[in-house]
Each structure stands twice: as structure tokens, then as C-alpha cells.
N, C-alpha and C. Protein backbone atom coordinates (compact mmCIF):
# COMPACT_ATOMS: atom_id res chain seq x y z
N MET A 1 0.80 -1.60 -0.20
CA MET A 1 -0.01 0.34 0.04
C MET A 1 0.91 1.24 -0.20
N ASN A 2 0.46 1.98 -0.73
CA ASN A 2 1.47 3.20 -1.00
C ASN A 2 0.79 4.38 -0.59
N HIS A 3 1.86 4.91 0.23
CA HIS A 3 1.21 6.24 1.49
C HIS A 3 1.50 7.25 0.97
N PRO A 4 0.70 8.39 0.57
CA PRO A 4 1.33 9.67 0.37
C PRO A 4 2.64 10.43 0.95
N ALA A 5 3.11 10.89 0.51
CA ALA A 5 4.54 11.37 0.73
C ALA A 5 3.99 12.82 0.55
N PHE A 6 3.81 12.92 2.39
CA PHE A 6 3.33 14.07 2.38
C PHE A 6 4.75 14.94 2.71
N GLY A 7 5.70 14.66 3.36
CA GLY A 7 7.30 15.48 3.10
C GLY A 7 7.45 16.31 1.62
N ASN A 8 7.40 15.39 0.58
CA ASN A 8 7.39 15.88 -0.80
C ASN A 8 6.50 17.38 -1.03
N ARG A 9 5.27 17.68 -0.29
CA ARG A 9 4.92 18.64 -0.52
C ARG A 9 5.26 20.08 0.01
N ARG A 10 5.42 20.76 -0.94
CA ARG A 10 5.65 21.92 -0.60
C ARG A 10 4.72 22.82 -0.19
N GLN A 11 5.45 23.97 0.81
CA GLN A 11 4.40 24.45 1.56
C GLN A 11 4.50 26.13 0.73
N LYS A 12 3.39 26.35 -0.24
CA LYS A 12 3.58 28.06 -0.84
C LYS A 12 3.68 28.86 0.13
N LYS A 13 4.11 29.82 0.24
CA LYS A 13 4.30 31.03 1.44
C LYS A 13 3.04 32.03 0.56
N PRO A 14 2.76 33.32 1.16
CA PRO A 14 1.87 33.99 0.47
C PRO A 14 2.61 35.06 -0.54
N LYS A 15 2.15 35.13 -1.37
CA LYS A 15 2.85 35.92 -1.80
C LYS A 15 3.21 37.40 -1.21
N SER A 16 2.16 37.81 -1.20
CA SER A 16 2.42 39.16 -0.84
C SER A 16 3.20 39.25 0.34
N SER A 17 3.95 38.04 1.29
CA SER A 17 4.96 38.10 2.16
C SER A 17 6.34 38.14 1.53
N GLN A 18 6.39 37.34 0.17
CA GLN A 18 7.53 37.44 -0.89
C GLN A 18 7.79 38.39 -1.41
N ARG A 19 7.13 39.79 -1.75
CA ARG A 19 7.68 40.66 -2.14
C ARG A 19 7.79 41.90 -1.44
N LYS A 20 8.29 42.70 -2.07
CA LYS A 20 9.00 43.95 -1.06
C LYS A 20 8.11 45.11 -1.27
N PHE A 21 7.62 45.40 -0.18
CA PHE A 21 7.21 46.83 -0.09
C PHE A 21 7.95 47.61 -1.03
N LYS A 22 7.56 48.77 -2.09
CA LYS A 22 8.84 49.44 -1.88
C LYS A 22 7.61 50.84 -2.36
N ILE A 23 7.60 52.29 -2.04
CA ILE A 23 6.59 53.54 -2.46
C ILE A 23 7.61 54.03 -3.64
N PRO A 24 6.82 53.68 -4.99
CA PRO A 24 6.78 54.60 -5.52
C PRO A 24 7.27 56.02 -5.47
N THR A 25 8.35 56.45 -6.41
CA THR A 25 9.02 57.95 -5.98
C THR A 25 9.29 58.39 -7.59
N LYS A 26 8.75 59.45 -7.62
CA LYS A 26 9.05 60.25 -8.97
C LYS A 26 10.51 61.12 -8.69
N PRO A 27 11.27 61.19 -9.72
CA PRO A 27 12.04 62.21 -9.65
C PRO A 27 11.84 63.34 -9.61
N LEU A 28 12.93 64.73 -8.58
CA LEU A 28 12.12 65.84 -8.56
C LEU A 28 11.62 66.61 -10.23
N ALA A 29 12.65 65.89 -11.11
CA ALA A 29 12.63 66.65 -12.08
C ALA A 29 11.52 66.30 -13.27
N SER A 30 10.21 65.54 -12.29
CA SER A 30 9.22 64.96 -13.42
C SER A 30 8.18 65.54 -12.36
N TRP A 31 8.29 66.23 -11.90
CA TRP A 31 6.81 67.00 -11.10
C TRP A 31 6.57 67.99 -11.50
N ARG A 32 5.43 68.47 -11.47
CA ARG A 32 5.32 70.14 -12.33
C ARG A 32 5.83 70.75 -11.47
N PRO A 33 5.49 72.19 -11.96
CA PRO A 33 6.48 73.34 -11.52
C PRO A 33 5.90 73.88 -10.37
N ARG A 34 4.54 73.98 -10.25
CA ARG A 34 4.02 74.34 -9.24
C ARG A 34 3.87 73.51 -8.16
N THR A 35 4.03 72.03 -8.02
CA THR A 35 4.04 71.62 -6.87
C THR A 35 5.28 71.17 -6.84
N ARG A 36 6.46 71.47 -6.94
CA ARG A 36 7.80 71.73 -6.73
C ARG A 36 8.06 73.28 -5.51
N GLN A 37 7.31 73.87 -6.48
CA GLN A 37 7.34 75.05 -5.63
C GLN A 37 6.67 75.21 -4.33
N ILE A 38 5.75 74.40 -4.27
CA ILE A 38 5.00 74.34 -3.07
C ILE A 38 5.77 73.66 -2.37
N LEU A 39 6.96 72.37 -2.83
CA LEU A 39 7.53 71.22 -1.80
C LEU A 39 8.43 72.64 -1.53
N ASP A 40 9.14 73.14 -2.30
CA ASP A 40 10.05 74.09 -2.09
C ASP A 40 9.69 75.24 -0.71
N TRP A 41 8.12 76.06 -0.84
CA TRP A 41 8.13 76.71 0.55
C TRP A 41 7.59 75.90 1.30
N VAL A 42 7.37 74.47 1.82
CA VAL A 42 7.28 73.67 2.59
C VAL A 42 8.37 73.36 3.36
N VAL A 43 9.78 72.98 2.78
CA VAL A 43 11.49 72.92 3.17
C VAL A 43 11.89 74.26 3.52
N THR A 44 11.38 75.03 3.21
CA THR A 44 11.53 76.57 3.63
C THR A 44 11.31 77.19 4.99
N GLY A 45 9.85 77.20 5.06
CA GLY A 45 9.36 76.93 5.88
C GLY A 45 9.40 75.90 7.09
N GLY A 46 9.48 74.94 6.83
CA GLY A 46 9.89 73.89 7.70
C GLY A 46 11.24 74.26 8.61
N SER A 47 12.22 74.58 7.66
CA SER A 47 13.48 75.11 8.61
C SER A 47 13.46 75.95 9.17
N VAL A 48 12.92 77.16 9.04
CA VAL A 48 12.79 78.31 9.81
C VAL A 48 12.16 77.96 11.09
N LEU A 49 10.69 76.84 11.09
CA LEU A 49 9.89 76.56 12.17
C LEU A 49 11.30 75.58 13.39
N LEU A 50 12.07 74.78 12.63
CA LEU A 50 13.28 73.94 13.00
C LEU A 50 13.86 74.91 13.63
N CYS A 51 14.07 76.24 13.05
CA CYS A 51 15.72 76.63 14.22
C CYS A 51 15.08 77.36 14.90
N LEU A 52 13.42 78.43 14.37
CA LEU A 52 12.70 78.22 16.36
C LEU A 52 12.52 78.20 17.42
N LEU A 53 12.71 76.70 16.99
CA LEU A 53 12.07 75.48 18.19
C LEU A 53 14.05 75.27 18.68
N MET A 54 14.67 74.93 17.80
CA MET A 54 16.42 74.60 18.37
C MET A 54 16.95 76.20 19.25
N LEU A 55 16.00 76.99 18.87
CA LEU A 55 16.76 78.18 19.97
C LEU A 55 16.92 77.81 21.36
N PRO A 56 15.73 77.39 22.03
CA PRO A 56 16.00 77.31 23.71
C PRO A 56 16.81 76.26 24.10
N THR A 57 16.64 75.60 22.82
CA THR A 57 17.05 73.47 22.63
C THR A 57 19.09 73.87 23.67
N ARG A 58 18.89 73.34 24.27
CA ARG A 58 20.53 73.25 24.89
C ARG A 58 21.41 71.92 25.15
N TRP A 59 21.61 71.10 24.01
CA TRP A 59 22.38 70.07 24.13
C TRP A 59 23.23 69.76 24.01
N PRO A 60 24.01 69.06 25.03
CA PRO A 60 25.97 68.63 24.97
C PRO A 60 26.09 69.08 23.88
N GLY A 61 27.60 69.62 24.22
CA GLY A 61 28.19 70.18 22.45
C GLY A 61 27.60 71.31 22.07
N MET A 62 26.56 71.62 22.36
CA MET A 62 26.08 72.90 21.93
C MET A 62 25.92 74.22 23.04
N GLU A 63 26.76 74.51 23.91
CA GLU A 63 26.27 75.64 25.01
C GLU A 63 28.03 75.96 25.30
N LEU A 64 28.00 77.14 25.94
CA LEU A 64 28.95 78.11 25.78
C LEU A 64 28.80 79.26 26.74
N LEU A 65 28.98 79.06 27.90
CA LEU A 65 29.07 80.31 28.61
C LEU A 65 27.60 80.40 28.80
N GLY A 66 26.68 79.43 28.67
CA GLY A 66 25.35 79.68 28.92
C GLY A 66 25.03 80.09 27.54
N ILE A 67 25.53 80.21 26.56
CA ILE A 67 24.50 80.73 25.36
C ILE A 67 24.72 79.40 24.40
N GLY A 68 23.85 79.50 24.06
CA GLY A 68 23.91 78.50 22.59
C GLY A 68 23.90 79.19 21.04
N PRO A 69 24.11 78.55 19.87
CA PRO A 69 23.99 78.90 18.50
C PRO A 69 22.98 79.86 18.13
N ASN A 70 22.89 80.94 17.61
CA ASN A 70 22.12 81.82 17.22
C ASN A 70 21.39 81.07 15.24
N TRP A 71 20.20 79.96 15.69
CA TRP A 71 20.06 79.21 14.64
C TRP A 71 19.73 79.81 13.24
N LEU A 72 18.61 80.86 13.97
CA LEU A 72 18.08 81.92 13.02
C LEU A 72 18.86 83.18 12.19
N LEU A 73 20.08 83.46 13.13
CA LEU A 73 21.06 83.91 12.21
C LEU A 73 21.84 83.44 11.06
N ILE A 74 22.24 82.20 11.15
CA ILE A 74 22.35 80.99 10.78
C ILE A 74 21.64 80.79 9.21
N TRP A 75 20.73 80.62 9.69
CA TRP A 75 19.42 80.54 8.74
C TRP A 75 19.76 81.61 7.68
N VAL A 76 19.30 83.05 8.52
CA VAL A 76 19.61 84.09 7.39
C VAL A 76 20.66 84.63 6.41
N VAL A 77 22.16 84.10 7.22
CA VAL A 77 23.07 84.04 6.35
C VAL A 77 22.82 82.92 5.20
N ALA A 78 22.61 81.88 5.34
CA ALA A 78 22.47 80.66 4.56
C ALA A 78 21.50 80.69 2.91
N TRP A 79 20.33 82.07 3.72
CA TRP A 79 19.40 82.08 2.21
C TRP A 79 19.91 83.71 1.91
N SER A 80 20.50 84.24 2.23
CA SER A 80 21.08 85.76 1.60
C SER A 80 22.65 85.89 1.67
N VAL A 81 23.02 84.83 1.34
CA VAL A 81 24.47 84.79 0.69
C VAL A 81 24.54 84.69 -0.61
N LYS A 82 23.63 84.20 -1.42
CA LYS A 82 23.39 83.84 -2.51
C LYS A 82 22.35 84.83 -3.27
N ARG A 83 21.52 85.95 -2.36
CA ARG A 83 20.42 86.80 -2.75
C ARG A 83 20.89 87.98 -3.07
N THR A 84 19.56 88.62 -3.41
CA THR A 84 19.49 89.76 -3.41
C THR A 84 19.55 90.94 -2.28
N VAL A 85 20.11 92.17 -1.92
CA VAL A 85 20.21 92.34 -0.79
C VAL A 85 18.92 92.96 0.00
N TRP A 86 17.99 93.39 -0.94
CA TRP A 86 16.49 92.69 -0.67
C TRP A 86 16.18 92.26 -0.66
N GLU A 87 16.48 90.97 -0.80
CA GLU A 87 16.00 89.58 -0.55
C GLU A 87 16.30 89.04 1.17
N GLY A 88 17.81 89.81 1.23
CA GLY A 88 18.14 89.09 2.14
C GLY A 88 17.46 90.01 3.51
N ALA A 89 17.40 91.45 3.67
CA ALA A 89 16.74 92.46 4.76
C ALA A 89 15.36 91.77 4.78
N PHE A 90 14.59 91.55 3.61
CA PHE A 90 13.31 91.04 4.01
C PHE A 90 13.19 89.42 5.20
N ALA A 91 14.18 88.60 4.65
CA ALA A 91 14.09 87.54 5.49
C ALA A 91 14.81 87.40 6.91
N GLY A 92 15.54 88.81 6.77
CA GLY A 92 16.79 88.68 8.45
C GLY A 92 15.22 89.55 9.18
N ILE A 93 14.74 90.34 8.54
CA ILE A 93 13.53 91.12 9.31
C ILE A 93 11.99 90.76 9.61
N VAL A 94 11.70 89.72 8.76
CA VAL A 94 10.89 88.56 8.99
C VAL A 94 10.70 87.51 10.46
N LEU A 95 11.83 87.26 10.22
CA LEU A 95 12.78 85.98 10.98
C LEU A 95 12.87 87.06 12.34
N GLY A 96 13.25 88.05 12.72
CA GLY A 96 13.68 89.03 13.66
C GLY A 96 12.24 89.09 14.43
N LEU A 97 11.08 89.14 13.47
CA LEU A 97 9.80 89.48 13.99
C LEU A 97 9.50 88.18 14.96
N LEU A 98 9.76 86.87 13.98
CA LEU A 98 9.38 85.60 14.29
C LEU A 98 9.90 85.54 15.85
N GLN A 99 11.59 85.52 15.79
CA GLN A 99 12.02 85.89 17.20
C GLN A 99 11.59 86.78 18.67
N ASP A 100 11.15 87.82 17.85
CA ASP A 100 10.55 89.11 19.40
C ASP A 100 9.33 88.20 19.69
N SER A 101 8.77 87.21 18.56
CA SER A 101 7.79 86.75 19.50
C SER A 101 7.34 85.49 20.49
N MET A 102 8.89 85.37 20.54
CA MET A 102 9.08 83.83 21.25
C MET A 102 9.66 84.48 22.44
N THR A 103 10.21 86.02 22.44
CA THR A 103 10.97 86.44 23.17
C THR A 103 10.72 88.23 23.86
N SER A 104 10.89 88.51 23.35
CA SER A 104 10.45 90.18 23.63
C SER A 104 10.95 91.31 22.36
N ALA A 105 10.02 92.13 22.27
CA ALA A 105 10.26 93.19 20.91
C ALA A 105 10.84 94.23 21.20
N ASN A 106 11.42 94.63 22.59
CA ASN A 106 12.13 95.56 22.84
C ASN A 106 13.34 95.31 24.07
N PRO A 107 14.69 95.54 22.84
CA PRO A 107 15.10 95.39 22.27
C PRO A 107 14.74 94.67 21.02
N THR A 108 14.51 95.11 19.57
CA THR A 108 13.97 93.83 18.59
C THR A 108 15.17 93.35 18.02
N HIS A 109 14.95 92.21 17.57
CA HIS A 109 15.88 91.14 16.63
C HIS A 109 15.66 91.27 15.08
N ALA A 110 14.69 92.22 14.75
CA ALA A 110 13.72 92.37 13.23
C ALA A 110 15.61 93.11 12.80
N VAL A 111 16.06 94.05 13.80
CA VAL A 111 16.81 95.47 12.80
C VAL A 111 18.13 94.20 13.11
N THR A 112 19.09 94.08 13.80
CA THR A 112 19.67 92.52 13.60
C THR A 112 19.93 91.65 12.36
N LEU A 113 18.82 90.97 13.12
CA LEU A 113 18.72 90.11 11.89
C LEU A 113 18.32 90.55 9.79
N GLY A 114 18.02 92.06 10.12
CA GLY A 114 17.62 92.50 9.03
C GLY A 114 19.18 92.95 8.46
N VAL A 115 19.56 93.87 9.61
CA VAL A 115 21.50 94.19 9.00
C VAL A 115 22.11 93.25 8.28
N VAL A 116 21.73 91.44 9.20
CA VAL A 116 22.90 90.52 8.63
C VAL A 116 22.57 90.09 7.47
N GLY A 117 20.69 89.96 7.32
CA GLY A 117 20.38 89.80 5.83
C GLY A 117 21.49 90.79 4.93
N MET A 118 20.91 92.22 5.04
CA MET A 118 21.67 92.31 3.66
C MET A 118 23.59 93.02 3.68
N LEU A 119 23.79 92.60 5.04
CA LEU A 119 25.34 92.41 4.72
C LEU A 119 25.62 91.74 4.26
N THR A 120 25.32 90.55 4.29
CA THR A 120 25.78 89.02 4.16
C THR A 120 25.28 89.08 2.46
N SER A 121 24.58 89.67 2.03
CA SER A 121 24.33 89.67 0.41
C SER A 121 24.99 90.48 -0.50
N LEU A 122 26.03 91.48 0.65
CA LEU A 122 26.59 92.30 0.08
C LEU A 122 27.89 91.72 -0.39
N ILE A 123 28.30 91.08 0.39
CA ILE A 123 29.65 89.95 0.39
C ILE A 123 29.62 89.29 -0.87
N GLN A 124 30.48 89.13 -1.40
CA GLN A 124 31.17 88.01 -2.47
C GLN A 124 32.26 87.41 -1.82
N LYS A 125 31.58 86.19 -1.92
CA LYS A 125 32.50 85.44 -0.95
C LYS A 125 33.27 84.60 -1.62
N GLN A 126 33.04 84.70 -2.95
CA GLN A 126 33.53 83.53 -3.94
C GLN A 126 34.93 84.48 -4.64
N ARG A 127 35.00 85.75 -3.65
CA ARG A 127 36.32 86.28 -4.66
C ARG A 127 37.62 86.02 -3.55
N PHE A 128 37.17 85.14 -2.30
CA PHE A 128 38.13 85.34 -1.14
C PHE A 128 38.61 83.19 -0.78
N ILE A 129 37.31 83.04 -0.77
CA ILE A 129 37.05 82.31 -0.15
C ILE A 129 36.29 80.95 -1.17
N GLU A 130 37.08 79.75 -1.85
CA GLU A 130 36.20 79.10 -2.29
C GLU A 130 35.33 77.72 -1.66
N GLU A 131 35.97 77.25 -0.45
CA GLU A 131 35.48 76.64 0.69
C GLU A 131 33.97 77.05 1.10
N ASP A 132 33.08 76.58 1.03
CA ASP A 132 31.97 76.85 1.15
C ASP A 132 31.82 76.67 3.24
N PHE A 133 32.11 75.57 3.40
CA PHE A 133 31.49 75.90 4.65
C PHE A 133 33.04 76.80 5.69
N ILE A 134 34.06 76.68 5.12
CA ILE A 134 34.72 77.97 5.61
C ILE A 134 34.23 78.97 5.50
N SER A 135 33.57 79.67 4.17
CA SER A 135 33.65 81.32 4.09
C SER A 135 32.19 81.35 5.13
N ILE A 136 31.28 80.07 4.89
CA ILE A 136 29.77 80.29 5.63
C ILE A 136 30.42 80.62 6.88
N ALA A 137 31.33 79.74 7.42
CA ALA A 137 31.61 79.75 9.22
C ALA A 137 32.40 81.17 9.70
N LEU A 138 32.72 81.74 8.60
CA LEU A 138 33.46 82.91 8.74
C LEU A 138 32.39 84.15 8.43
N ILE A 139 31.97 83.92 7.49
CA ILE A 139 31.21 84.95 7.77
C ILE A 139 29.53 85.21 8.79
N VAL A 140 29.17 83.75 8.84
CA VAL A 140 28.36 83.67 10.39
C VAL A 140 29.00 84.26 11.80
N PHE A 141 30.88 83.81 11.72
CA PHE A 141 31.22 84.36 12.57
C PHE A 141 31.15 86.10 13.16
N ALA A 142 31.94 86.52 11.97
CA ALA A 142 31.06 87.91 11.46
C ALA A 142 29.80 88.77 12.02
N MET A 143 28.99 87.87 11.21
CA MET A 143 27.42 88.11 11.55
C MET A 143 27.31 88.18 13.27
N ALA A 144 27.71 87.03 13.73
CA ALA A 144 27.14 87.04 15.50
C ALA A 144 27.82 87.90 15.97
N VAL A 145 28.52 88.45 15.71
CA VAL A 145 29.39 89.71 16.77
C VAL A 145 28.51 91.34 15.90
N VAL A 146 28.60 91.44 14.65
CA VAL A 146 27.50 92.39 14.30
C VAL A 146 26.40 92.54 15.01
N ALA A 147 25.78 91.50 14.89
CA ALA A 147 24.07 91.00 15.57
C ALA A 147 24.28 91.47 17.03
N GLU A 148 25.23 90.97 17.88
CA GLU A 148 24.70 90.71 19.40
C GLU A 148 25.50 92.76 19.77
N THR A 149 26.66 93.28 18.66
CA THR A 149 26.81 94.36 18.80
C THR A 149 25.67 95.10 18.49
N ILE A 150 25.13 95.25 17.66
CA ILE A 150 23.94 96.25 17.57
C ILE A 150 22.92 95.53 18.54
N PHE A 151 22.53 94.77 19.09
CA PHE A 151 21.80 94.04 20.29
C PHE A 151 22.11 94.87 21.66
N GLY A 152 23.05 95.61 21.64
CA GLY A 152 23.96 96.06 23.01
C GLY A 152 23.36 97.14 22.56
N LEU A 153 23.46 97.64 21.69
CA LEU A 153 23.94 99.76 20.94
C LEU A 153 21.90 99.45 21.67
N GLN A 154 21.20 98.52 21.25
CA GLN A 154 19.93 99.00 21.44
C GLN A 154 19.84 99.10 22.69
N LEU A 155 19.95 98.10 23.84
CA LEU A 155 20.18 98.08 25.12
C LEU A 155 20.48 99.51 25.79
N THR A 156 21.83 99.72 25.04
CA THR A 156 22.32 101.34 25.75
C THR A 156 21.52 102.31 25.90
N MET A 157 20.89 102.21 24.15
CA MET A 157 19.85 102.99 23.91
C MET A 157 18.60 103.69 25.04
N MET A 158 18.52 102.04 25.13
CA MET A 158 17.21 102.40 26.29
C MET A 158 17.00 102.45 27.12
N SER A 159 18.44 102.53 27.87
CA SER A 159 19.03 102.66 29.44
C SER A 159 19.28 104.36 29.31
N ASN A 160 19.95 104.65 28.04
CA ASN A 160 19.97 106.55 28.23
C ASN A 160 18.65 107.05 28.29
N ALA A 161 17.29 106.71 27.42
CA ALA A 161 16.29 106.78 27.16
C ALA A 161 15.75 106.93 28.56
N SER A 162 15.77 105.81 29.51
CA SER A 162 15.24 105.90 30.85
C SER A 162 15.69 106.30 31.56
N GLY A 163 16.56 107.34 31.86
CA GLY A 163 17.16 108.41 32.51
C GLY A 163 18.40 107.03 33.07
N GLY A 164 19.32 106.49 32.38
CA GLY A 164 20.23 105.29 33.31
C GLY A 164 21.27 105.60 32.32
N HIS A 165 21.92 106.85 32.74
CA HIS A 165 22.99 107.78 31.82
C HIS A 165 24.07 107.00 32.86
N SER A 166 23.88 105.88 33.72
CA SER A 166 25.25 105.73 34.67
C SER A 166 26.21 105.25 33.81
N LEU A 167 27.52 105.39 33.84
CA LEU A 167 28.61 104.73 33.04
C LEU A 167 28.75 103.91 33.79
N ARG A 168 28.78 103.08 34.80
CA ARG A 168 29.00 101.99 35.09
C ARG A 168 28.15 100.76 34.24
N LYS A 169 27.07 101.62 34.27
CA LYS A 169 25.56 100.76 33.90
C LYS A 169 25.99 100.28 32.38
N VAL A 170 26.29 100.89 31.64
CA VAL A 170 26.63 100.73 30.34
C VAL A 170 28.51 99.99 30.32
N GLU A 171 28.92 100.52 31.20
CA GLU A 171 30.11 99.24 30.89
C GLU A 171 29.65 98.17 31.10
N ASP A 172 28.56 97.40 32.23
CA ASP A 172 28.05 96.63 32.64
C ASP A 172 27.38 95.56 30.98
N ILE A 173 27.06 97.16 30.59
CA ILE A 173 25.94 95.83 29.36
C ILE A 173 26.76 95.73 28.51
N TRP A 174 27.85 96.38 27.89
CA TRP A 174 29.15 96.20 27.00
C TRP A 174 29.93 94.86 27.63
N THR A 175 30.12 95.16 28.57
CA THR A 175 31.25 93.80 29.30
C THR A 175 30.43 92.51 28.85
N TYR A 176 28.83 92.77 29.60
CA TYR A 176 28.47 91.39 29.27
C TYR A 176 28.15 90.80 27.76
N TYR A 177 27.86 91.87 26.57
CA TYR A 177 27.69 91.52 25.62
C TYR A 177 28.70 91.58 24.76
N GLN A 178 30.00 91.44 24.98
CA GLN A 178 31.21 90.91 24.36
C GLN A 178 31.38 89.59 25.07
N ARG A 179 31.08 89.09 26.17
CA ARG A 179 31.08 87.69 26.06
C ARG A 179 29.80 87.12 25.18
N VAL A 180 28.86 87.39 25.49
CA VAL A 180 27.83 86.82 24.40
C VAL A 180 28.36 86.75 23.46
N ALA A 181 28.78 88.42 22.57
CA ALA A 181 29.10 87.83 21.15
C ALA A 181 30.06 86.94 20.44
N LEU A 182 30.92 86.33 21.56
CA LEU A 182 31.65 85.89 20.94
C LEU A 182 31.94 84.30 21.52
N ALA A 183 30.74 84.18 22.28
CA ALA A 183 30.63 82.86 22.76
C ALA A 183 29.39 82.23 21.37
N SER A 184 28.56 83.39 21.46
CA SER A 184 27.37 82.63 20.07
C SER A 184 27.98 82.74 18.91
N ALA A 185 29.40 83.56 18.57
CA ALA A 185 30.04 83.60 17.04
C ALA A 185 30.52 82.47 16.95
N ILE A 186 31.11 82.29 17.68
CA ILE A 186 32.32 80.70 18.06
C ILE A 186 31.17 79.50 17.84
N LEU A 187 30.50 79.52 18.67
CA LEU A 187 29.13 78.39 18.18
C LEU A 187 28.05 78.28 17.17
N SER A 188 28.03 79.68 16.82
CA SER A 188 27.12 79.63 15.32
C SER A 188 27.90 79.09 14.61
N SER A 189 29.21 79.66 14.11
CA SER A 189 29.99 79.43 12.88
C SER A 189 30.56 77.87 13.18
N LEU A 190 30.44 77.23 14.18
CA LEU A 190 30.98 75.64 14.20
C LEU A 190 29.70 74.93 13.85
N TRP A 191 28.68 75.28 14.18
CA TRP A 191 27.15 74.95 13.44
C TRP A 191 26.43 74.71 12.35
N ALA A 192 27.15 76.57 11.49
CA ALA A 192 27.11 76.82 10.33
C ALA A 192 26.65 75.75 9.20
N PRO A 193 27.46 74.88 9.48
CA PRO A 193 27.07 74.15 8.26
C PRO A 193 25.95 73.05 8.50
N VAL A 194 25.45 72.50 9.70
CA VAL A 194 24.39 71.38 9.46
C VAL A 194 23.27 72.71 8.68
N VAL A 195 23.43 73.74 8.93
CA VAL A 195 22.21 74.17 8.44
C VAL A 195 22.54 74.77 7.21
N TYR A 196 23.42 75.40 6.88
CA TYR A 196 23.86 75.76 5.34
C TYR A 196 23.81 74.86 4.09
N TYR A 197 24.60 73.78 4.85
CA TYR A 197 24.46 72.72 3.88
C TYR A 197 23.40 71.61 2.60
N PRO A 198 22.32 71.23 3.92
CA PRO A 198 21.23 70.76 3.05
C PRO A 198 20.17 72.02 2.48
N LEU A 199 20.18 73.28 3.81
CA LEU A 199 19.33 74.10 2.31
C LEU A 199 19.96 74.55 1.02
N ASN A 200 21.69 74.69 1.31
CA ASN A 200 21.69 74.94 0.02
C ASN A 200 21.63 74.33 -1.26
N ARG A 201 21.91 72.93 -0.69
CA ARG A 201 22.15 72.23 -1.28
C ARG A 201 20.62 71.90 -2.22
N TRP A 202 19.11 71.89 -1.27
CA TRP A 202 18.07 71.75 -2.03
C TRP A 202 17.33 73.68 -2.56
N TRP A 203 17.98 74.45 -2.09
CA TRP A 203 17.80 76.00 -3.19
C TRP A 203 18.40 75.94 -4.75
N GLN A 204 19.77 74.87 -4.81
CA GLN A 204 20.80 74.63 -5.77
C GLN A 204 19.82 73.68 -6.71
N GLN A 205 19.12 72.98 -5.99
CA GLN A 205 18.60 71.93 -6.53
C GLN A 205 17.67 72.73 -7.48
N ILE A 206 16.55 72.77 -6.76
CA ILE A 206 15.44 73.88 -7.21
C ILE A 206 15.20 74.98 -8.26
N LYS A 207 16.57 75.17 -8.01
CA LYS A 207 17.03 76.48 -8.96
C LYS A 207 17.41 75.89 -10.74
N PHE A 208 18.04 75.51 -10.39
CA PHE A 208 18.07 74.41 -11.41
C PHE A 208 17.26 73.68 -12.10
N LEU A 209 16.28 73.17 -11.78
CA LEU A 209 15.27 72.40 -12.24
C LEU A 209 14.05 74.15 -12.52
N GLU A 210 14.18 74.70 -12.31
CA GLU A 210 13.63 75.81 -12.88
C GLU A 210 13.88 76.72 -14.00
N GLN A 211 15.54 76.63 -14.05
CA GLN A 211 16.08 77.20 -15.02
C GLN A 211 16.36 75.97 -16.48
N SER A 212 15.83 74.85 -16.04
CA SER A 212 15.91 73.90 -17.05
C SER A 212 14.76 73.85 -17.99
């Protein structure tokens, strides 16, 4: 009597488990111009929101003398370095007003970041240093010093306007902001490539697709 060979039967696995799940993706060049533009706005706006959320964050290696990197200043430099003076100044003012909404509007950050955006747009960095990371770090260092100096000037003017003509008080303000400017400039310049590199690469890709 022949018994059926159950061992020879193959157990078939469901086809669904054998197939790998793949998400269909299209190259960015095949997208419609309107869709790419909306995506560009989302990426740009999302990066601004991320920088705003990072401002009060103090992670290990991101703090010096109680001061953290000025993420919005880094963003303004990354945006303005290859754009017109008006685009840089406008972006700086808008981000400064956003920072004022999180901190205090008096003294305002709109003036400092607006000046940073304007000055950065005037810099022709290609004439001096060709390496992007080095040039951006140097620009961010200089702009951080400029921003803190302008902020200190605003505080001094506020002190004088309120009747605080004490030389000691003015000296205390500038002594404090010298430390703040140096710490902010060092940290911001070190972390600048983290913001600049992905954003600059994205904006260059979008610009290339618009021109093609």
C-alpha cells in the first residue's frame, strides 16, 4: 500500500510576504513646477520652524558660557549669501519678528537680523574663499558679532532713554555682550554647516530645475 508522501509537498508562502514593499517615487525633475514650488515653500518654512524650536534648546556641545548657537542668524546667512540685498534684509526682518514673538520685542531682533541679511547679501564670498564650509563659518562668525553689537547698542539706547546715564551700567552692558558676542560667534560658526549644507543643496537643485 502506497502512502502519500506528505514530506514532498511544498508549502507555498503567500505572495504578499514574498514581495518587498516599495514606495513608488518620481524624480524631482518630473514633478510639475507648481508642485515643486509648493514643496520648496514647505521645506523652507519647515527649516525656519525647526530653527525657531532649536533656539531655546541646550544639548551637550551646543552651549558655551550659557549661550547657544544663533540658529536664526545662521539661517539668514544661508538664505542671503546668494540672494539680493532686499531679499536678505526682508528675510532677516521677518525672522527677527518671529524671534521677537518668542522672546521680547524690545529691543527687537528684526533690526539685527535685517542688517545681517543685508550685509551678507553684499558679500561676494567667491572672491576670497572658495570652500563653502569655511566661508560660511567665517561669515556667520562676523555676522554674529555684528548682531550682538547692534543688540547691545539697542540696550544702551534704552538705558539712556530711561534715564540710566550711569557709566557703570553702560560698562556692564558692554562687558556682558562682549562675552555673549564671542560665545555666540564661536558656536554659530561651528554649527553653521549643519544648516547651510542641506538648505543650500536643496535651493540649488530647485534653481537648476527652474532654469532647465
